[in-house]
Amino acid sequence: MKRMSSLTYHFGVKLRFYPSSKQKKIIKLNYDAQRFVYNSYVGRNRSSYHAKRYLAVKQSHTMPFAFPAFNHYEKKLAEAVVANNELLAKPKNIRDAYSFLQVKDIDSLAIANAIQNYHK
């Protein structure tokens, strides 16, 4: 397939659409849902990374035969890692975790595309 720069003529169509107020609300709702899903994936992955790293450093400094008891903070970190991994495992889990993402006006492809963009 040829690139556009190699063609002698470039044709394009400019479109302008005027959504109604109802359509504007739906567009904004889908965009906000996409942004929330993407940011929550980034945040959960980041907190999971730091928690795993902290727990790995904590365990590496002890003797291999000793099993140190986790304090309250470390226990919460470990639980957060498990919860984040479960939520990030399947795309459907994020819809189940947040009730406002279950609105009918939010397109499932919008959420799927946000997750795909995150993985890229």
C-alpha atoms as a PDB file:
ATOM      1  CA  MET A   1       0.000   0.000   0.000  1.00  0.00           C
ATOM      2  CA  LYS A   2       1.269   3.436  -0.912  1.00  0.00           C
ATOM      3  CA  ARG A   3       1.879   6.147   1.615  1.00  0.00           C
ATOM      4  CA  MET A   4      -0.010   9.408   1.383  1.00  0.00           C
ATOM      5  CA  SER A   5       3.195  11.378   0.906  1.00  0.00           C
ATOM      6  CA  SER A   6       4.019   9.451  -2.277  1.00  0.00           C
ATOM      7  CA  LEU A   7       0.678  10.242  -3.940  1.00  0.00           C
ATOM      8  CA  THR A   8       0.372  13.282  -6.194  1.00  0.00           C
ATOM      9  CA  TYR A   9      -3.056  14.281  -4.911  1.00  0.00           C
ATOM     10  CA  HIS A  10      -4.319  14.371  -1.388  1.00  0.00           C
ATOM     11  CA  PHE A  11      -8.035  14.317  -0.882  1.00  0.00           C
ATOM     12  CA  GLY A  12      -9.721  14.682   2.428  1.00  0.00           C
ATOM     13  CA  VAL A  13     -13.104  15.331   3.818  1.00  0.00           C
ATOM     14  CA  LYS A  14     -13.691  17.696   6.665  1.00  0.00           C
ATOM     15  CA  LEU A  15     -16.660  16.839   8.767  1.00  0.00           C
ATOM     16  CA  ARG A  16     -18.237  18.774  11.535  1.00  0.00           C
ATOM     17  CA  PHE A  17     -20.936  17.304  13.642  1.00  0.00           C
ATOM     18  CA  TYR A  18     -23.269  18.978  16.046  1.00  0.00           C
ATOM     19  CA  PRO A  19     -24.357  16.534  18.719  1.00  0.00           C
ATOM     20  CA  SER A  20     -27.531  17.146  20.633  1.00  0.00           C
ATOM     21  CA  SER A  21     -27.367  17.774  24.368  1.00  0.00           C
ATOM     22  CA  LYS A  22     -28.215  14.113  25.056  1.00  0.00           C
ATOM     23  CA  GLN A  23     -25.435  12.953  22.737  1.00  0.00           C
ATOM     24  CA  LYS A  24     -23.002  15.379  24.385  1.00  0.00           C
ATOM     25  CA  LYS A  25     -23.786  13.819  27.762  1.00  0.00           C
ATOM     26  CA  ILE A  26     -23.228  10.303  26.403  1.00  0.00           C
ATOM     27  CA  ILE A  27     -19.926  11.308  24.766  1.00  0.00           C
ATOM     28  CA  LYS A  28     -18.720  12.951  27.979  1.00  0.00           C
ATOM     29  CA  LEU A  29     -19.820   9.960  30.064  1.00  0.00           C
ATOM     30  CA  ASN A  30     -17.922   7.521  27.835  1.00  0.00           C
ATOM     31  CA  TYR A  31     -14.838   9.704  27.754  1.00  0.00           C
ATOM     32  CA  ASP A  32     -14.827  10.078  31.542  1.00  0.00           C
ATOM     33  CA  ALA A  33     -15.271   6.325  31.975  1.00  0.00           C
ATOM     34  CA  GLN A  34     -12.355   5.659  29.635  1.00  0.00           C
ATOM     35  CA  ARG A  35     -10.146   8.101  31.492  1.00  0.00           C
ATOM     36  CA  PHE A  36     -11.124   6.615  34.865  1.00  0.00           C
ATOM     37  CA  VAL A  37     -10.421   3.039  33.749  1.00  0.00           C
ATOM     38  CA  TYR A  38      -7.053   3.953  32.249  1.00  0.00           C
ATOM     39  CA  ASN A  39      -5.976   5.960  35.298  1.00  0.00           C
ATOM     40  CA  SER A  40      -7.150   3.273  37.713  1.00  0.00           C
ATOM     41  CA  TYR A  41      -5.143   0.636  35.827  1.00  0.00           C
ATOM     42  CA  VAL A  42      -2.065   2.870  35.945  1.00  0.00           C
ATOM     43  CA  GLY A  43      -2.552   3.597  39.642  1.00  0.00           C
ATOM     44  CA  ARG A  44      -3.189  -0.001  40.620  1.00  0.00           C
ATOM     45  CA  ASN A  45      -0.216  -1.263  38.662  1.00  0.00           C
ATOM     46  CA  ARG A  46       2.004   1.395  40.193  1.00  0.00           C
ATOM     47  CA  SER A  47       0.910   0.664  43.764  1.00  0.00           C
ATOM     48  CA  SER A  48       1.219  -3.065  43.111  1.00  0.00           C
ATOM     49  CA  TYR A  49       4.761  -2.580  41.793  1.00  0.00           C
ATOM     50  CA  HIS A  50       5.855  -0.542  44.817  1.00  0.00           C
ATOM     51  CA  ALA A  51       4.214  -2.945  47.265  1.00  0.00           C
ATOM     52  CA  LYS A  52       5.858  -5.982  45.664  1.00  0.00           C
ATOM     53  CA  ARG A  53       9.205  -4.225  45.643  1.00  0.00           C
ATOM     54  CA  TYR A  54       8.886  -3.196  49.296  1.00  0.00           C
ATOM     55  CA  LEU A  55       7.883  -6.691  50.364  1.00  0.00           C
ATOM     56  CA  ALA A  56      10.695  -8.268  48.322  1.00  0.00           C
ATOM     57  CA  VAL A  57      13.303  -5.975  49.908  1.00  0.00           C
ATOM     58  CA  LYS A  58      11.861  -6.648  53.353  1.00  0.00           C
ATOM     59  CA  GLN A  59      12.112 -10.410  52.874  1.00  0.00           C
ATOM     60  CA  SER A  60      15.540 -10.410  51.254  1.00  0.00           C
ATOM     61  CA  HIS A  61      17.244  -8.807  54.269  1.00  0.00           C
ATOM     62  CA  THR A  62      16.172 -11.544  56.652  1.00  0.00           C
ATOM     63  CA  MET A  63      17.659 -14.963  57.058  1.00  0.00           C
ATOM     64  CA  PRO A  64      16.244 -17.508  54.602  1.00  0.00           C
ATOM     65  CA  PHE A  65      15.047 -19.858  57.329  1.00  0.00           C
ATOM     66  CA  ALA A  66      13.251 -17.160  59.318  1.00  0.00           C
ATOM     67  CA  PHE A  67       9.706 -16.138  58.439  1.00  0.00           C
ATOM     68  CA  PRO A  68       9.182 -12.639  59.784  1.00  0.00           C
ATOM     69  CA  ALA A  69       5.674 -11.686  60.763  1.00  0.00           C
ATOM     70  CA  PHE A  70       4.219  -8.850  58.738  1.00  0.00           C
ATOM     71  CA  ASN A  71       3.103  -5.797  60.615  1.00  0.00           C
ATOM     72  CA  HIS A  72      -0.267  -4.162  59.917  1.00  0.00           C
ATOM     73  CA  TYR A  73       1.075  -1.945  57.115  1.00  0.00           C
ATOM     74  CA  GLU A  74       2.814  -4.816  55.333  1.00  0.00           C
ATOM     75  CA  LYS A  75      -0.267  -6.993  55.613  1.00  0.00           C
ATOM     76  CA  LYS A  76      -2.339  -4.245  53.967  1.00  0.00           C
ATOM     77  CA  LEU A  77       0.257  -3.971  51.208  1.00  0.00           C
ATOM     78  CA  ALA A  78       0.141  -7.694  50.525  1.00  0.00           C
ATOM     79  CA  GLU A  79      -3.664  -7.646  50.434  1.00  0.00           C
ATOM     80  CA  ALA A  80      -3.556  -4.687  48.041  1.00  0.00           C
ATOM     81  CA  VAL A  81      -1.227  -6.582  45.710  1.00  0.00           C
ATOM     82  CA  VAL A  82      -3.596  -9.544  45.618  1.00  0.00           C
ATOM     83  CA  ALA A  83      -6.666  -7.335  45.091  1.00  0.00           C
ATOM     84  CA  ASN A  84      -4.946  -5.343  42.337  1.00  0.00           C
ATOM     85  CA  ASN A  85      -3.846  -8.485  40.535  1.00  0.00           C
ATOM     86  CA  GLU A  86      -7.367  -9.895  40.648  1.00  0.00           C
ATOM     87  CA  LEU A  87      -8.852  -6.653  39.355  1.00  0.00           C
ATOM     88  CA  LEU A  88      -6.293  -6.264  36.577  1.00  0.00           C
ATOM     89  CA  ALA A  89      -6.578  -9.906  35.507  1.00  0.00           C
ATOM     90  CA  LYS A  90      -9.877  -9.620  33.624  1.00  0.00           C
ATOM     91  CA  PRO A  91     -11.404  -6.534  32.004  1.00  0.00           C
ATOM     92  CA  LYS A  92     -14.869  -7.432  33.288  1.00  0.00           C
ATOM     93  CA  ASN A  93     -13.678  -7.216  36.885  1.00  0.00           C
ATOM     94  CA  ILE A  94     -13.341  -3.443  36.785  1.00  0.00           C
ATOM     95  CA  ARG A  95     -16.993  -3.058  35.790  1.00  0.00           C
ATOM     96  CA  ASP A  96     -18.011  -5.254  38.697  1.00  0.00           C
ATOM     97  CA  ALA A  97     -15.815  -3.339  41.138  1.00  0.00           C
ATOM     98  CA  TYR A  98     -17.303   0.080  40.347  1.00  0.00           C
ATOM     99  CA  SER A  99     -21.070   0.351  40.098  1.00  0.00           C
ATOM    100  CA  PHE A 100     -21.028   3.634  38.140  1.00  0.00           C
ATOM    101  CA  LEU A 101     -19.351   1.825  35.216  1.00  0.00           C
ATOM    102  CA  GLN A 102     -22.410  -0.417  34.877  1.00  0.00           C
ATOM    103  CA  VAL A 103     -24.573   2.345  33.402  1.00  0.00           C
ATOM    104  CA  LYS A 104     -26.135   1.337  30.073  1.00  0.00           C
ATOM    105  CA  ASP A 105     -24.904   4.477  28.311  1.00  0.00           C
ATOM    106  CA  ILE A 106     -21.261   3.518  28.843  1.00  0.00           C
ATOM    107  CA  ASP A 107     -20.085   1.519  25.868  1.00  0.00           C
ATOM    108  CA  SER A 108     -18.237  -1.693  26.650  1.00  0.00           C
ATOM    109  CA  LEU A 109     -15.861  -1.005  23.755  1.00  0.00           C
ATOM    110  CA  ALA A 110     -14.865   2.293  25.362  1.00  0.00           C
ATOM    111  CA  ILE A 111     -13.695   0.432  28.456  1.00  0.00           C
ATOM    112  CA  ALA A 112     -12.049  -2.296  26.372  1.00  0.00           C
ATOM    113  CA  ASN A 113     -10.178   0.325  24.329  1.00  0.00           C
ATOM    114  CA  ALA A 114      -9.001   2.065  27.495  1.00  0.00           C
ATOM    115  CA  ILE A 115      -7.606  -1.240  28.762  1.00  0.00           C
ATOM    116  CA  GLN A 116      -5.953  -1.931  25.388  1.00  0.00           C
ATOM    117  CA  ASN A 117      -4.384   1.524  25.411  1.00  0.00           C
ATOM    118  CA  TYR A 118      -3.062   0.872  28.889  1.00  0.00           C
ATOM    119  CA  HIS A 119      -1.465  -2.420  27.819  1.00  0.00           C
ATOM    120  CA  LYS A 120       0.207  -0.715  24.840  1.00  0.00           C
END
